Amino acid sequence: MGLADFPSDSITNEIRLSSSGSGHWNWIVGHYYRDSEGQQVTDSSFFAPTGGPFLNVLVLDSETHSFFGEVSREFADGLVEVLVGVRAFEDKRTFQDLIFGLPVSTFDEEFDSANPRLNISLRPNDDAMYYLNYAEGFRSGVFASGAAQAVAANAGTTAGIVRPDSVKTLEIGGKWTLQDGAMNLEAAVYFSDWEDAQLQPLGPDGLPVPLNVGDAEIRGVDLALTATTGINGLIIGLTASYIDSEYTSVNPGVAVLAAAAGYSSSIADGQNLGAVPESSATLSADYTGPTFSNGANIFVNSSYSYRDEQNDLSGFPAKADAFEDLSLCIGYEKPESWKVTLFGRNLSNDIGVLSSSYGTFIGVTRPREVGLSVELEF
């Protein structure tokens, strides 16, 4: 067996200057700095081919500078507001893979990017707001360890410097207050283009290999609704989302690694992204009863949630289960004094795997739970 430790040290500083918020113009500018060192220290005989002692240290040094700024302007007495911004990013990274203090792999690279943002909002009245938002994101490159490079080479592909990946997202949505304030509705549709996605497909010997696995597209719809009802104290809520995600092009090295490890990867053209359920929803109802003469009241909270199945993050052919949860609690409380609650969680007793990564199931839904809790405040 063996031990792993992850010591780290970092210094972070951010400086911002912003407008006072009065007038039609608003702006913010700033600088972000971070200097960090992170290590992964593995002291084990488990990973050594001979079964003897083994000391491996991975060291990543990163020095980051980021300059950012945004400016916004209102037009037509606040009917329209336009915001534009940009973030210029530079990250100098040094990576070393040491075995018994001797370097087996060293990288020294600099990654930089300039990421714009645009937001246009329209407020025709106090009860409605529409918006369009475009933004670009960037993530620095990473490096494959000597072991990961060896696994990739033995499988018939290469690993080393993993290039930065980036996401471009366009979102259009709106927010409304309806029924004289009794109902709030939010809805949005969005499209994201993920280029040079950084993931770690599972290779032979169960070792993840960091790669730019390819490009992907994500299309989604989000909905959120809260509403009071004709029953005083009763509020209902609904959140729902639908996500259509797929890989549009995939690095051939992913399939090479999978074949060498003896499985068919779900990181493939037309497949859904890992850890992204196609649909999910939650319906809730909360009721707070009238206050009694002693200052106490009754409350009821209930919810039903559903989440679709999802692929393994590393591409291993394992799926986290779709699951649903029905929960209910009924209580009697005197605020700032005491509370008694009868609760039931996962009343449908739906047991399943919450997520899967690198072929390992992570987390399982808890079975049905029914209980009574008593809380006192002093």
Protein backbone atom coordinates (compact mmCIF):
# COMPACT_ATOMS: atom_id res chain seq x y z
CA MET A 1 0.00 0.00 0.00
CA GLY A 2 1.13 3.62 0.23
CA LEU A 3 0.59 7.19 1.31
CA ALA A 4 -0.02 10.38 -0.68
CA ASP A 5 0.33 13.95 0.55
CA PHE A 6 -0.59 17.20 -1.18
CA PRO A 7 1.27 20.14 0.42
CA SER A 8 0.71 23.56 -1.13
CA ASP A 9 1.65 27.18 -0.57
CA SER A 10 0.28 30.29 -2.28
CA ILE A 11 0.18 34.09 -2.16
CA THR A 12 -2.83 35.88 -3.65
CA ASN A 13 -3.47 39.58 -4.12
CA GLU A 14 -6.20 41.51 -5.92
CA ILE A 15 -6.60 45.26 -6.40
CA ARG A 16 -9.82 46.83 -7.70
CA LEU A 17 -10.90 50.36 -8.57
CA SER A 18 -14.55 51.04 -9.31
CA SER A 19 -16.91 53.91 -9.98
CA SER A 20 -19.22 55.22 -7.28
CA GLY A 21 -22.30 53.79 -9.00
CA SER A 22 -24.01 57.13 -9.60
CA GLY A 23 -24.79 58.36 -13.11
CA HIS A 24 -25.20 56.50 -16.38
CA TRP A 25 -21.61 55.21 -16.55
CA ASN A 26 -20.17 52.50 -14.29
CA TRP A 27 -16.76 50.88 -14.50
CA ILE A 28 -14.33 48.61 -12.69
CA VAL A 29 -10.64 47.85 -13.35
CA GLY A 30 -8.21 45.69 -11.47
CA HIS A 31 -5.25 43.35 -11.26
CA TYR A 32 -5.11 39.81 -9.84
CA TYR A 33 -1.85 38.12 -8.84
CA ARG A 34 -1.22 34.60 -7.57
CA ASP A 35 2.05 32.79 -6.89
CA SER A 36 1.61 29.17 -5.87
CA GLU A 37 3.41 25.86 -5.49
CA GLY A 38 1.57 22.57 -5.22
CA GLN A 39 2.99 19.09 -4.73
CA GLN A 40 1.79 15.52 -4.89
CA VAL A 41 4.06 13.32 -2.80
CA THR A 42 3.57 9.56 -3.17
CA ASP A 43 5.53 7.29 -0.84
CA SER A 44 4.58 3.73 -1.71
CA SER A 45 5.69 0.29 -2.75
CA PHE A 46 2.32 -0.33 -4.38
CA PHE A 47 3.20 1.50 -7.61
CA ALA A 48 6.77 0.24 -7.92
CA PRO A 49 7.23 -2.49 -10.58
CA THR A 50 9.60 -4.41 -8.30
CA GLY A 51 7.44 -3.97 -5.21
CA GLY A 52 10.28 -2.06 -3.52
CA PRO A 53 10.23 1.43 -1.94
CA PHE A 54 9.05 4.24 -4.18
CA LEU A 55 9.10 8.02 -3.67
CA ASN A 56 7.52 10.20 -6.36
CA VAL A 57 7.06 13.97 -6.09
CA LEU A 58 5.13 16.04 -8.65
CA VAL A 59 5.76 19.79 -8.31
CA LEU A 60 3.76 22.52 -10.09
CA ASP A 61 4.82 26.18 -9.73
CA SER A 62 2.45 28.82 -11.14
CA GLU A 63 2.77 32.62 -11.30
CA THR A 64 -0.39 34.30 -12.58
CA HIS A 65 -1.10 37.89 -13.60
CA SER A 66 -4.55 38.98 -14.72
CA PHE A 67 -5.67 42.48 -15.70
CA PHE A 68 -9.42 43.01 -16.00
CA GLY A 69 -11.88 45.78 -16.68
CA GLU A 70 -15.57 46.39 -17.37
CA VAL A 71 -17.56 49.45 -18.34
CA SER A 72 -21.33 49.80 -18.59
CA ARG A 73 -23.65 52.54 -19.85
CA GLU A 74 -27.39 53.06 -19.42
CA PHE A 75 -29.47 54.44 -22.27
CA ALA A 76 -33.03 55.77 -22.56
CA ASP A 77 -33.50 56.34 -18.84
CA GLY A 78 -32.41 52.81 -17.92
CA LEU A 79 -34.39 51.01 -20.60
CA VAL A 80 -31.18 49.54 -22.04
CA GLU A 81 -27.83 48.86 -20.39
CA VAL A 82 -24.73 47.72 -22.29
CA LEU A 83 -21.69 46.25 -20.54
CA VAL A 84 -18.37 45.32 -22.17
CA GLY A 85 -15.35 43.85 -20.46
CA VAL A 86 -12.12 41.98 -20.98
CA ARG A 87 -9.68 39.95 -18.89
CA ALA A 88 -6.03 39.59 -20.01
CA PHE A 89 -4.42 36.54 -18.42
CA GLU A 90 -0.83 35.28 -18.19
CA ASP A 91 0.28 32.15 -16.35
CA LYS A 92 3.92 31.00 -16.12
CA ARG A 93 4.07 27.34 -15.10
CA THR A 94 6.94 25.01 -14.22
CA PHE A 95 6.37 21.29 -13.68
CA GLN A 96 8.76 18.66 -12.36
CA ASP A 97 8.29 14.93 -11.90
CA LEU A 98 10.88 13.65 -9.41
CA ILE A 99 11.63 10.06 -8.40
CA PHE A 100 13.92 9.85 -5.37
CA GLY A 101 14.77 13.51 -6.05
CA LEU A 102 15.86 12.93 -9.65
CA PRO A 103 13.86 14.64 -12.44
CA VAL A 104 12.26 12.26 -14.94
CA SER A 105 10.13 14.94 -16.61
CA THR A 106 10.34 18.76 -16.65
CA PHE A 107 8.21 21.39 -18.39
CA ASP A 108 8.45 25.19 -18.38
CA GLU A 109 5.61 26.91 -20.27
CA GLU A 110 3.72 30.20 -20.41
CA PHE A 111 -0.01 30.39 -21.16
CA ASP A 112 -1.91 33.57 -21.96
CA SER A 113 -5.30 34.67 -23.18
CA ALA A 114 -7.58 37.71 -23.55
CA ASN A 115 -11.23 36.91 -22.81
CA PRO A 116 -14.03 39.36 -23.69
CA ARG A 117 -17.50 39.72 -22.19
CA LEU A 118 -20.62 41.45 -23.51
CA ASN A 119 -23.95 41.90 -21.73
CA ILE A 120 -27.00 43.74 -23.06
CA SER A 121 -30.04 44.06 -20.81
CA LEU A 122 -33.49 45.48 -21.55
CA ARG A 123 -35.90 46.58 -18.79
CA PRO A 124 -39.22 47.64 -20.38
CA ASN A 125 -40.86 47.95 -16.93
CA ASP A 126 -40.33 47.11 -13.26
CA ASP A 127 -41.67 43.57 -13.75
CA ALA A 128 -39.56 42.35 -16.69
CA MET A 129 -35.92 42.15 -17.69
CA TYR A 130 -34.40 40.54 -20.80
CA TYR A 131 -30.72 39.95 -21.37
CA LEU A 132 -28.11 38.67 -23.80
CA ASN A 133 -24.75 37.60 -22.42
CA TYR A 134 -21.64 36.49 -24.32
CA ALA A 135 -18.48 35.43 -22.51
CA GLU A 136 -15.28 33.51 -23.15
CA GLY A 137 -13.39 31.45 -20.59
CA PHE A 138 -9.85 30.06 -20.53
CA ARG A 139 -7.97 27.45 -18.50
CA SER A 140 -4.19 27.11 -18.41
CA GLY A 141 -2.48 24.05 -19.79
CA VAL A 142 -1.31 21.17 -17.60
CA PHE A 143 1.36 18.48 -17.87
CA ALA A 144 1.48 14.70 -17.92
CA SER A 145 3.65 12.97 -15.35
CA GLY A 146 6.43 10.62 -16.41
CA ALA A 147 4.23 7.64 -15.53
CA ALA A 148 1.35 8.98 -17.64
CA GLN A 149 3.73 9.61 -20.56
CA ALA A 150 5.00 6.03 -20.29
CA VAL A 151 1.47 4.60 -20.21
CA ALA A 152 0.52 6.63 -23.28
CA ALA A 153 3.68 5.56 -25.15
CA ASN A 154 3.09 1.88 -24.34
CA ALA A 155 -0.49 2.22 -25.59
CA GLY A 156 0.70 3.72 -28.87
CA THR A 157 0.01 7.44 -28.38
CA THR A 158 1.70 10.45 -26.79
CA ALA A 159 1.14 12.65 -23.72
CA GLY A 160 3.09 15.63 -22.45
CA ILE A 161 1.93 19.24 -22.53
CA VAL A 162 -1.85 19.59 -22.45
CA ARG A 163 -2.80 22.78 -24.24
CA PRO A 164 -5.18 25.32 -22.68
CA ASP A 165 -8.88 24.75 -23.26
CA SER A 166 -11.48 27.47 -23.78
CA VAL A 167 -15.25 27.92 -23.66
CA LYS A 168 -17.39 30.42 -25.58
CA THR A 169 -20.93 30.83 -24.24
CA LEU A 170 -23.93 32.75 -25.55
CA GLU A 171 -26.95 33.02 -23.24
CA ILE A 172 -30.32 34.68 -23.80
CA GLY A 173 -32.86 34.90 -21.00
CA GLY A 174 -35.38 36.85 -19.04
CA LYS A 175 -36.79 37.46 -15.56
CA TRP A 176 -40.41 38.34 -14.84
CA THR A 177 -42.53 39.28 -11.83
CA LEU A 178 -46.13 38.18 -12.43
CA GLN A 179 -49.51 38.17 -10.71
CA ASP A 180 -48.85 41.42 -8.82
CA GLY A 181 -45.64 40.03 -7.32
CA ALA A 182 -47.04 36.63 -6.37
CA MET A 183 -44.95 34.81 -8.99
CA ASN A 184 -41.32 35.09 -10.13
CA LEU A 185 -40.18 33.39 -13.32
CA GLU A 186 -36.69 33.03 -14.82
CA ALA A 187 -35.86 31.32 -18.10
CA ALA A 188 -32.73 31.06 -20.22
CA VAL A 189 -31.35 29.25 -23.25
CA TYR A 190 -27.63 28.95 -23.88
CA PHE A 191 -25.02 27.51 -26.21
CA SER A 192 -21.41 26.71 -25.29
CA ASP A 193 -18.54 25.75 -27.56
CA TRP A 194 -15.77 23.92 -25.64
CA GLU A 195 -12.49 23.70 -27.55
CA ASP A 196 -9.49 21.46 -26.73
CA ALA A 197 -11.27 20.05 -23.67
CA GLN A 198 -8.87 18.99 -20.91
CA LEU A 199 -9.77 15.63 -19.40
CA GLN A 200 -7.94 12.58 -18.09
CA PRO A 201 -9.09 9.43 -19.92
CA LEU A 202 -8.40 6.18 -18.15
CA GLY A 203 -5.38 4.36 -19.57
CA PRO A 204 -3.86 0.90 -19.00
CA ASP A 205 -3.06 -0.08 -15.40
CA GLY A 206 -5.87 2.22 -14.23
CA LEU A 207 -3.75 5.36 -14.63
CA PRO A 208 -5.46 8.59 -15.85
CA VAL A 209 -3.63 10.30 -18.72
CA PRO A 210 -4.23 14.07 -19.15
CA LEU A 211 -5.06 14.98 -22.76
CA ASN A 212 -6.81 17.53 -24.93
CA VAL A 213 -9.58 15.07 -25.72
CA GLY A 214 -11.28 17.21 -28.41
CA ASP A 215 -14.13 19.68 -28.91
CA ALA A 216 -17.70 19.64 -27.59
CA GLU A 217 -20.93 21.60 -27.85
CA ILE A 218 -23.47 22.16 -25.09
CA ARG A 219 -27.02 23.45 -25.58
CA GLY A 220 -29.29 24.01 -22.62
CA VAL A 221 -32.52 25.42 -21.24
CA ASP A 222 -32.97 26.51 -17.60
CA LEU A 223 -36.25 27.37 -15.87
CA ALA A 224 -36.98 28.59 -12.32
CA LEU A 225 -40.36 29.47 -10.85
CA THR A 226 -41.50 30.50 -7.37
CA ALA A 227 -45.06 31.40 -6.50
CA THR A 228 -47.26 32.14 -3.53
CA THR A 229 -50.68 30.54 -3.57
CA GLY A 230 -54.22 31.19 -2.42
CA ILE A 231 -53.31 29.37 0.80
CA ASN A 232 -51.66 31.86 3.12
CA GLY A 233 -48.09 30.79 3.93
CA LEU A 234 -47.76 28.27 1.09
CA ILE A 235 -44.99 28.81 -1.48
CA ILE A 236 -44.27 26.44 -4.36
CA GLY A 237 -41.11 26.30 -6.46
CA LEU A 238 -39.90 24.59 -9.59
CA THR A 239 -36.45 24.42 -11.16
CA ALA A 240 -35.74 22.42 -14.31
CA SER A 241 -33.00 22.09 -16.89
CA TYR A 242 -32.41 20.28 -20.14
CA ILE A 243 -28.87 19.87 -21.52
CA ASP A 244 -27.97 18.53 -24.95
CA SER A 245 -24.21 17.92 -24.91
CA GLU A 246 -22.01 16.06 -27.35
CA TYR A 247 -18.43 15.66 -28.47
CA THR A 248 -18.06 17.04 -31.99
CA SER A 249 -14.47 15.88 -32.56
CA VAL A 250 -12.24 13.64 -30.48
CA ASN A 251 -8.48 13.15 -30.24
CA PRO A 252 -7.67 9.67 -31.69
CA GLY A 253 -5.38 9.10 -28.70
CA VAL A 254 -8.46 8.66 -26.49
CA ALA A 255 -9.56 5.55 -28.38
CA VAL A 256 -5.97 4.25 -28.42
CA LEU A 257 -5.73 4.50 -24.63
CA ALA A 258 -9.14 2.88 -24.18
CA ALA A 259 -8.31 -0.02 -26.51
CA ALA A 260 -5.04 -0.67 -24.68
CA ALA A 261 -6.97 -0.66 -21.37
CA GLY A 262 -9.60 -3.02 -22.78
CA TYR A 263 -12.69 -0.83 -22.94
CA SER A 264 -14.60 1.35 -25.42
CA SER A 265 -14.51 5.00 -24.34
CA SER A 266 -17.65 7.14 -24.08
CA ILE A 267 -15.45 10.11 -25.02
CA ALA A 268 -16.31 9.73 -28.71
CA ASP A 269 -17.96 11.67 -31.53
CA GLY A 270 -21.65 12.22 -30.82
CA GLN A 271 -21.50 10.95 -27.21
CA ASN A 272 -22.77 12.98 -24.25
CA LEU A 273 -20.23 14.67 -22.02
CA GLY A 274 -19.38 12.93 -18.77
CA ALA A 275 -20.98 14.15 -15.53
CA VAL A 276 -23.64 16.06 -17.52
CA PRO A 277 -27.21 14.75 -17.03
CA GLU A 278 -29.59 15.42 -19.90
CA SER A 279 -32.45 16.49 -17.65
CA SER A 280 -33.03 17.40 -14.01
CA ALA A 281 -35.84 19.02 -12.04
CA THR A 282 -36.91 19.86 -8.50
CA LEU A 283 -40.45 20.62 -7.34
CA SER A 284 -40.87 21.99 -3.81
CA ALA A 285 -43.64 23.22 -1.53
CA ASP A 286 -43.08 25.10 1.72
CA TYR A 287 -45.78 26.04 4.21
CA THR A 288 -45.55 28.11 7.38
CA GLY A 289 -48.70 28.14 9.43
CA PRO A 290 -50.11 30.99 11.51
CA THR A 291 -48.47 31.85 14.83
CA PHE A 292 -50.19 30.47 17.92
CA SER A 293 -50.72 32.42 21.12
CA ASN A 294 -47.51 30.95 22.60
CA GLY A 295 -45.46 32.27 19.64
CA ALA A 296 -45.03 28.86 17.99
CA ASN A 297 -46.06 27.79 14.49
CA ILE A 298 -46.34 24.72 12.28
CA PHE A 299 -44.16 24.34 9.17
CA VAL A 300 -44.11 21.80 6.33
CA ASN A 301 -41.34 21.39 3.71
CA SER A 302 -41.56 18.90 0.86
CA SER A 303 -39.59 18.33 -2.35
CA TYR A 304 -39.31 15.96 -5.26
CA SER A 305 -36.10 15.87 -7.32
CA TYR A 306 -35.10 13.97 -10.42
CA ARG A 307 -31.76 13.72 -12.22
CA ASP A 308 -31.07 11.78 -15.41
CA GLU A 309 -28.23 9.26 -15.79
CA GLN A 310 -24.80 10.55 -16.76
CA ASN A 311 -21.62 9.19 -18.32
CA ASP A 312 -18.37 8.55 -16.49
CA LEU A 313 -16.10 11.62 -16.47
CA SER A 314 -13.06 9.70 -17.73
CA GLY A 315 -14.90 7.94 -20.57
CA PHE A 316 -15.01 4.55 -18.85
CA PRO A 317 -18.18 2.67 -19.91
CA ALA A 318 -19.98 3.13 -16.59
CA LYS A 319 -23.00 5.33 -15.99
CA ALA A 320 -24.20 7.01 -12.83
CA ASP A 321 -27.82 6.04 -12.35
CA ALA A 322 -30.83 8.25 -12.87
CA PHE A 323 -32.38 8.83 -9.48
CA GLU A 324 -35.31 10.52 -7.81
CA ASP A 325 -35.79 11.76 -4.27
CA LEU A 326 -39.03 12.47 -2.41
CA SER A 327 -38.56 14.15 0.97
CA LEU A 328 -40.94 15.61 3.54
CA CYS A 329 -40.66 17.21 6.96
CA ILE A 330 -43.34 18.47 9.34
CA GLY A 331 -42.43 20.56 12.33
CA TYR A 332 -43.59 22.65 15.24
CA GLU A 333 -41.31 25.46 16.36
CA LYS A 334 -41.00 28.50 18.53
CA PRO A 335 -38.38 30.71 16.82
CA GLU A 336 -35.20 31.26 18.83
CA SER A 337 -36.38 28.76 21.42
CA TRP A 338 -37.12 25.19 20.29
CA LYS A 339 -38.08 23.07 17.30
CA VAL A 340 -39.49 19.55 16.87
CA THR A 341 -39.35 18.00 13.38
CA LEU A 342 -40.63 14.72 11.96
CA PHE A 343 -38.75 14.06 8.72
CA GLY A 344 -38.59 11.56 5.91
CA ARG A 345 -35.81 11.54 3.32
CA ASN A 346 -35.78 9.53 0.08
CA LEU A 347 -39.24 8.23 0.86
CA SER A 348 -39.34 6.43 -2.50
CA ASN A 349 -36.22 4.49 -1.36
CA ASP A 350 -34.56 4.97 -4.75
CA ILE A 351 -31.01 3.62 -4.37
CA GLY A 352 -28.42 4.41 -7.02
CA VAL A 353 -24.94 5.70 -7.86
CA LEU A 354 -24.58 9.48 -7.72
CA SER A 355 -21.50 9.76 -9.96
CA SER A 356 -18.78 7.74 -11.66
CA SER A 357 -15.21 8.81 -12.34
CA TYR A 358 -12.29 6.74 -13.66
CA GLY A 359 -14.49 3.66 -13.58
CA THR A 360 -15.13 4.05 -9.85
CA PHE A 361 -18.58 4.73 -8.44
CA ILE A 362 -18.46 7.77 -6.16
CA GLY A 363 -21.27 8.20 -3.70
CA VAL A 364 -24.48 6.23 -3.40
CA THR A 365 -27.88 7.65 -2.50
CA ARG A 366 -28.83 7.01 1.11
CA PRO A 367 -31.74 4.63 1.69
CA ARG A 368 -35.07 5.78 3.07
CA GLU A 369 -34.68 7.64 6.37
CA VAL A 370 -37.48 8.51 8.79
CA GLY A 371 -36.75 10.25 12.07
CA LEU A 372 -37.57 12.79 14.72
CA SER A 373 -35.30 15.67 15.69
CA VAL A 374 -35.53 18.03 18.65
CA GLU A 375 -33.56 21.29 18.77
CA LEU A 376 -33.22 23.69 21.71
CA GLU A 377 -31.64 27.12 21.65
CA PHE A 378 -30.10 28.65 24.78
